[in-house]
Amino acid sequence: MRIVLDIETIQAPREEWARLAGREHVPYEADWAEATDLFSRASAEERRRIEDELYEKSAFDGTFSRIVCIGLIVFSDAMEPQGAVSWYGANEKDLLRQFWAKLGQLRPSLFITHNGLGFDLPFIRKRSIIHQVKPSMEISLAKFRTEPVYDTMAIWSNWESRGWVKLDVLARALNVPTKSGSGTQVAEMWARGQGKEIAEYCLQDTYVTYACYCRMNFREPLPREAVLVNVELVEVG
């Protein structure tokens, strides 16, 4: 079995991030109110700028942020579509349990991702450790190889970070259907209670990743409607 995988994440609230990072979080308004002169106001602005930068970087780190959706498309070893599932919801621990249970059943030999080695898989590993959800199988995150993880971003750039491109950019370069929206919209969708829409969006990402993988291996990708068959959208918690 082979699977194409993608996750969607949301950032921790600033107060929770500050607690985990061991930083004293002083609301900007309070810090500014205590600034009585030009020098102290400049210091307050600099503290805020540094905190904003650190907080923004934490969005991509499983130490601080959390998973709200994991999407999979399942293929046979001959790359015949076998179905798709997308788990979504607020109960991250149960979401991870269901994900690992599915992998335990499938025992995939290949994980196809876009930046999976740098983001998705390490993020899943960190969140699994935090929740003490033991993985049902070991996934090697060794770089400079194409198995058991085929990372389209890393392979396209020949493992050179200067050549990294976003998924929609790679899709346009390879003349395959691009996704709608971007990952930056997930937090807004989550705040609006659009978990199901996030799950559908996540599967769009997995299809685009699949199509890029096919092009990179000189295969013609199947159309979206032929790949996203027997789709399960599973709400967790």
Protein backbone atom coordinates (compact mmCIF):
# COMPACT_ATOMS: atom_id res chain seq x y z
CA MET A 1 0.00 0.00 0.00
CA ARG A 2 0.97 3.61 -0.61
CA ILE A 3 -0.59 6.68 0.94
CA VAL A 4 -0.58 10.39 0.21
CA LEU A 5 -0.68 12.38 3.43
CA ASP A 6 -1.33 15.96 4.52
CA ILE A 7 -2.14 17.65 7.82
CA GLU A 8 -3.77 20.92 8.83
CA THR A 9 -2.71 22.66 12.02
CA ILE A 10 -3.64 25.65 14.13
CA GLN A 11 -1.44 27.79 16.33
CA ALA A 12 -1.64 27.80 20.11
CA PRO A 13 -3.10 30.94 21.72
CA ARG A 14 -0.38 33.44 22.52
CA GLU A 15 -0.77 32.93 26.28
CA GLU A 16 -0.32 29.15 25.92
CA TRP A 17 2.68 29.65 23.65
CA ALA A 18 4.28 32.00 26.19
CA ARG A 19 3.72 29.47 28.98
CA LEU A 20 5.33 26.65 26.99
CA ALA A 21 8.19 28.87 25.85
CA GLY A 22 8.84 30.03 29.41
CA ARG A 23 8.26 33.65 28.50
CA GLU A 24 6.37 36.23 30.50
CA HIS A 25 3.50 37.37 28.33
CA VAL A 26 2.63 41.00 28.90
CA PRO A 27 -0.24 42.25 26.71
CA TYR A 28 1.01 44.94 24.36
CA GLU A 29 -1.57 47.43 25.57
CA ALA A 30 -0.42 47.05 29.18
CA ASP A 31 3.25 47.26 28.21
CA TRP A 32 2.57 50.39 26.14
CA ALA A 33 0.51 51.98 28.92
CA GLU A 34 3.47 51.69 31.29
CA ALA A 35 5.77 53.39 28.78
CA THR A 36 6.02 57.01 29.88
CA ASP A 37 8.65 58.35 27.49
CA LEU A 38 9.96 57.89 23.97
CA PHE A 39 12.73 55.50 25.03
CA SER A 40 10.46 53.18 27.01
CA ARG A 41 7.90 53.16 24.19
CA ALA A 42 10.60 52.20 21.70
CA SER A 43 11.64 49.37 24.05
CA ALA A 44 8.02 48.20 24.31
CA GLU A 45 7.70 48.14 20.52
CA GLU A 46 10.94 46.18 20.18
CA ARG A 47 9.80 43.61 22.76
CA ARG A 48 6.54 43.23 20.88
CA ARG A 49 8.34 42.82 17.54
CA ILE A 50 10.60 40.09 18.92
CA GLU A 51 7.68 38.29 20.54
CA ASP A 52 5.64 38.49 17.34
CA GLU A 53 8.49 36.93 15.35
CA LEU A 54 8.96 34.08 17.83
CA TYR A 55 5.22 33.46 18.03
CA GLU A 56 4.89 33.38 14.25
CA LYS A 57 7.71 30.83 13.92
CA SER A 58 6.06 28.58 16.51
CA ALA A 59 3.12 27.99 14.15
CA PHE A 60 5.16 25.35 12.31
CA ASP A 61 6.39 23.56 15.43
CA GLY A 62 4.46 20.67 16.97
CA THR A 63 5.82 21.69 20.36
CA PHE A 64 3.35 24.57 20.37
CA SER A 65 0.73 24.15 17.64
CA ARG A 66 -1.71 21.27 17.20
CA ILE A 67 -3.29 19.16 14.50
CA VAL A 68 -6.94 19.65 13.61
CA CYS A 69 -7.02 17.46 10.49
CA ILE A 70 -5.14 14.56 8.90
CA GLY A 71 -6.01 13.52 5.35
CA LEU A 72 -4.99 10.34 3.53
CA ILE A 73 -5.52 8.96 0.06
CA VAL A 74 -4.83 5.23 -0.10
CA PHE A 75 -3.38 3.55 -3.19
CA SER A 76 -2.33 0.05 -4.10
CA ASP A 77 1.33 -0.53 -4.94
CA ALA A 78 0.27 -0.09 -8.59
CA MET A 79 -1.13 3.37 -7.64
CA GLU A 80 -4.76 2.33 -8.02
CA PRO A 81 -7.03 4.44 -5.76
CA GLN A 82 -8.38 2.52 -2.77
CA GLY A 83 -10.23 5.28 -0.92
CA ALA A 84 -9.64 8.43 1.10
CA VAL A 85 -10.19 9.48 4.70
CA SER A 86 -9.88 12.80 6.48
CA TRP A 87 -10.13 13.01 10.27
CA TYR A 88 -10.92 16.39 11.79
CA GLY A 89 -11.90 17.77 15.16
CA ALA A 90 -10.85 19.23 18.48
CA ASN A 91 -9.86 15.95 20.17
CA GLU A 92 -6.30 15.75 18.89
CA LYS A 93 -5.41 12.69 20.97
CA ASP A 94 -8.27 10.63 19.55
CA LEU A 95 -7.53 11.94 16.07
CA LEU A 96 -3.97 10.62 16.37
CA ARG A 97 -5.20 7.30 17.74
CA GLN A 98 -7.46 6.80 14.75
CA PHE A 99 -4.72 7.83 12.35
CA TRP A 100 -2.20 5.37 13.79
CA ALA A 101 -4.83 2.62 13.94
CA LYS A 102 -5.47 3.10 10.22
CA LEU A 103 -1.75 2.94 9.44
CA GLY A 104 -1.53 -0.23 11.52
CA GLN A 105 -4.15 -1.79 9.27
CA LEU A 106 -2.68 -0.55 6.00
CA ARG A 107 1.05 -0.92 6.77
CA PRO A 108 1.96 1.37 3.85
CA SER A 109 5.38 0.95 2.28
CA LEU A 110 5.47 4.49 0.85
CA PHE A 111 4.34 7.86 2.22
CA ILE A 112 3.92 10.55 -0.45
CA THR A 113 3.98 14.09 0.91
CA HIS A 114 4.90 17.68 0.13
CA ASN A 115 7.34 18.81 2.82
CA GLY A 116 6.39 15.76 4.84
CA LEU A 117 9.96 15.23 6.03
CA GLY A 118 10.28 18.81 7.20
CA PHE A 119 6.78 19.41 8.52
CA ASP A 120 3.92 16.88 8.46
CA LEU A 121 5.63 13.74 9.76
CA PRO A 122 7.83 15.38 12.44
CA PHE A 123 4.75 17.35 13.56
CA ILE A 124 2.70 14.14 13.88
CA ARG A 125 5.54 12.49 15.79
CA LYS A 126 5.81 15.37 18.27
CA ARG A 127 2.07 15.56 18.90
CA SER A 128 1.91 11.78 19.33
CA ILE A 129 4.65 11.91 21.97
CA ILE A 130 2.96 14.81 23.77
CA HIS A 131 -0.33 12.88 23.93
CA GLN A 132 1.45 9.55 24.57
CA VAL A 133 -0.17 7.94 21.54
CA LYS A 134 2.26 5.23 20.51
CA PRO A 135 2.74 4.94 16.72
CA SER A 136 1.61 1.66 15.19
CA MET A 137 4.64 1.64 12.91
CA GLU A 138 8.01 3.32 12.60
CA ILE A 139 8.38 5.85 9.77
CA SER A 140 11.98 6.68 8.95
CA LEU A 141 12.51 10.40 8.46
CA ALA A 142 15.96 9.94 6.94
CA LYS A 143 16.68 12.44 4.19
CA PHE A 144 18.32 12.09 0.77
CA ARG A 145 16.19 9.12 -0.27
CA THR A 146 12.81 8.47 -1.86
CA GLU A 147 11.58 5.66 0.40
CA PRO A 148 9.75 5.19 2.70
CA VAL A 149 8.92 8.90 2.32
CA TYR A 150 8.68 10.51 -1.10
CA ASP A 151 8.77 14.23 -0.35
CA THR A 152 7.90 16.10 -3.54
CA MET A 153 9.27 19.41 -2.25
CA ALA A 154 12.62 17.98 -1.18
CA ILE A 155 13.08 15.83 -4.27
CA TRP A 156 12.06 18.61 -6.65
CA SER A 157 14.71 20.88 -5.13
CA ASN A 158 17.29 18.08 -4.96
CA TRP A 159 17.37 18.61 -1.19
CA GLU A 160 18.51 22.21 -1.62
CA SER A 161 16.49 24.60 0.55
CA ARG A 162 16.96 27.46 -1.92
CA GLY A 163 14.90 25.47 -4.40
CA TRP A 164 11.95 24.75 -2.10
CA VAL A 165 8.61 25.69 -3.63
CA LYS A 166 5.08 25.67 -2.29
CA LEU A 167 2.69 22.98 -3.45
CA ASP A 168 0.58 25.29 -5.62
CA VAL A 169 3.73 26.60 -7.35
CA LEU A 170 4.93 23.08 -8.11
CA ALA A 171 1.46 22.14 -9.36
CA ARG A 172 1.41 25.03 -11.82
CA ALA A 173 4.93 24.20 -13.00
CA LEU A 174 3.89 20.59 -13.63
CA ASN A 175 0.58 21.59 -15.20
CA VAL A 176 -1.66 19.79 -12.74
CA PRO A 177 -4.79 21.12 -10.98
CA THR A 178 -3.95 23.46 -8.12
CA LYS A 179 -5.67 23.63 -4.77
CA SER A 180 -8.20 26.22 -3.68
CA GLY A 181 -7.22 28.46 -0.79
CA SER A 182 -4.12 28.25 1.38
CA GLY A 183 -3.05 26.85 4.73
CA THR A 184 -3.13 30.33 6.23
CA GLN A 185 -6.93 30.24 5.95
CA VAL A 186 -7.27 27.15 8.14
CA ALA A 187 -7.19 29.09 11.42
CA GLU A 188 -9.98 31.37 10.21
CA MET A 189 -12.04 28.39 9.03
CA TRP A 190 -11.48 26.64 12.36
CA ALA A 191 -12.60 29.72 14.28
CA ARG A 192 -15.80 29.73 12.21
CA GLY A 193 -16.47 26.09 13.05
CA GLN A 194 -15.79 24.86 9.51
CA GLY A 195 -14.10 21.60 10.44
CA LYS A 196 -15.71 19.63 7.63
CA GLU A 197 -14.58 22.20 5.08
CA ILE A 198 -11.03 21.93 6.45
CA ALA A 199 -11.20 18.15 5.99
CA GLU A 200 -12.30 18.60 2.38
CA TYR A 201 -9.57 21.18 1.79
CA CYS A 202 -6.98 18.79 3.25
CA LEU A 203 -7.99 16.10 0.76
CA GLN A 204 -7.62 18.63 -2.05
CA ASP A 205 -4.01 19.07 -0.92
CA THR A 206 -3.45 15.32 -0.94
CA TYR A 207 -4.80 15.07 -4.48
CA VAL A 208 -2.51 17.85 -5.73
CA THR A 209 0.44 16.13 -4.03
CA TYR A 210 -0.52 12.86 -5.72
CA ALA A 211 -0.73 14.57 -9.12
CA CYS A 212 2.70 16.18 -8.65
CA TYR A 213 4.16 12.82 -7.61
CA CYS A 214 2.79 11.24 -10.79
CA ARG A 215 4.28 13.94 -13.02
CA MET A 216 7.64 13.66 -11.28
CA ASN A 217 7.61 9.93 -12.04
CA PHE A 218 6.44 10.33 -15.65
CA ARG A 219 2.95 9.03 -14.95
CA GLU A 220 -0.33 10.60 -15.99
CA PRO A 221 -2.36 11.41 -12.86
CA LEU A 222 -5.94 10.21 -12.73
CA PRO A 223 -8.59 12.95 -12.55
CA ARG A 224 -9.66 14.14 -9.12
CA GLU A 225 -13.05 12.42 -9.28
CA ALA A 226 -11.38 9.07 -10.00
CA VAL A 227 -8.97 9.41 -7.08
CA LEU A 228 -11.16 10.85 -4.33
CA VAL A 229 -13.49 7.85 -4.20
CA ASN A 230 -15.15 6.32 -1.14
CA VAL A 231 -14.24 9.44 0.83
CA GLU A 232 -14.72 9.32 4.60
CA LEU A 233 -14.89 12.59 6.53
CA VAL A 234 -14.59 11.59 10.19
CA GLU A 235 -15.29 14.12 12.93
CA VAL A 236 -13.32 13.43 16.11
CA GLY A 237 -14.32 14.98 19.42
